[in-house]
Amino acid sequence: MAQKPKEIVVPKVENSIELFEFPSTVKTADLRKFLHPFVGHYRLKWINDTSCYVVFDDEALGTNLLL
């Protein structure tokens, strides 16, 4: 029996940003270094090898990053 494709859940816009079109050699550890000032206040949701969502615990963090 064929497996169902994995559904991608899009996080709320207010508390997340999408990082995309980075090289496929970028790993979770690289992104954690980049996001170090926010340690403990976000989680990564990978979409594919070259894009992911950064979902912040606090809506204000995601919103303020875009300003």
Protein backbone atom coordinates (compact mmCIF):
# COMPACT_ATOMS: atom_id res chain seq x y z
CA MET A 1 0.00 0.00 0.00
CA ALA A 2 1.37 3.43 -0.96
CA GLN A 3 2.16 5.87 1.82
CA LYS A 4 0.26 9.11 2.02
CA PRO A 5 2.45 12.17 1.32
CA LYS A 6 3.46 14.06 4.44
CA GLU A 7 1.29 17.12 4.96
CA ILE A 8 3.07 20.41 5.58
CA VAL A 9 1.41 22.47 8.27
CA VAL A 10 1.92 26.17 7.66
CA PRO A 11 2.45 28.05 10.93
CA LYS A 12 0.69 31.29 11.80
CA VAL A 13 2.18 34.27 9.97
CA GLU A 14 2.25 36.38 13.13
CA ASN A 15 4.85 34.27 14.91
CA SER A 16 6.91 32.78 12.10
CA ILE A 17 9.21 33.57 9.23
CA GLU A 18 10.19 31.44 6.25
CA LEU A 19 13.85 31.02 5.34
CA PHE A 20 14.29 29.76 1.79
CA GLU A 21 16.61 29.28 -1.14
CA PHE A 22 19.64 28.64 1.02
CA PRO A 23 22.15 25.98 -0.10
CA SER A 24 21.17 22.39 0.64
CA THR A 25 24.44 22.09 2.56
CA VAL A 26 22.98 24.28 5.33
CA LYS A 27 22.08 22.12 8.33
CA THR A 28 20.04 22.61 11.49
CA ALA A 29 23.21 23.43 13.46
CA ASP A 30 24.01 26.24 11.01
CA LEU A 31 20.58 27.77 11.43
CA ARG A 32 20.83 27.47 15.22
CA LYS A 33 24.07 29.48 15.11
CA PHE A 34 22.35 32.12 12.98
CA LEU A 35 19.39 32.25 15.38
CA HIS A 36 21.51 32.16 18.55
CA PRO A 37 20.06 35.42 19.98
CA PHE A 38 16.66 33.68 20.14
CA VAL A 39 17.78 30.37 21.67
CA GLY A 40 14.94 28.72 23.56
CA HIS A 41 12.28 30.88 21.90
CA TYR A 42 11.81 29.20 18.51
CA ARG A 43 11.61 25.88 16.71
CA LEU A 44 12.47 24.96 13.14
CA LYS A 45 10.01 23.24 10.81
CA TRP A 46 11.80 21.99 7.72
CA ILE A 47 9.87 22.18 4.44
CA ASN A 48 12.58 20.68 2.22
CA ASP A 49 16.38 20.75 1.88
CA THR A 50 16.51 24.47 1.11
CA SER A 51 13.73 26.04 3.15
CA CYS A 52 12.22 26.00 6.62
CA TYR A 53 9.91 27.91 8.91
CA VAL A 54 11.22 29.51 12.08
CA VAL A 55 8.30 29.45 14.51
CA PHE A 56 8.70 31.71 17.51
CA ASP A 57 7.07 31.07 20.89
CA ASP A 58 6.14 34.74 21.17
CA GLU A 59 4.19 36.48 18.42
CA ALA A 60 6.09 39.73 19.07
CA LEU A 61 9.45 38.13 18.19
CA GLY A 62 8.32 37.05 14.73
CA THR A 63 6.62 40.36 14.05
CA ASN A 64 9.55 42.49 15.25
CA LEU A 65 12.03 40.60 13.08
CA LEU A 66 10.17 41.68 9.99
CA LEU A 67 10.16 45.37 10.91
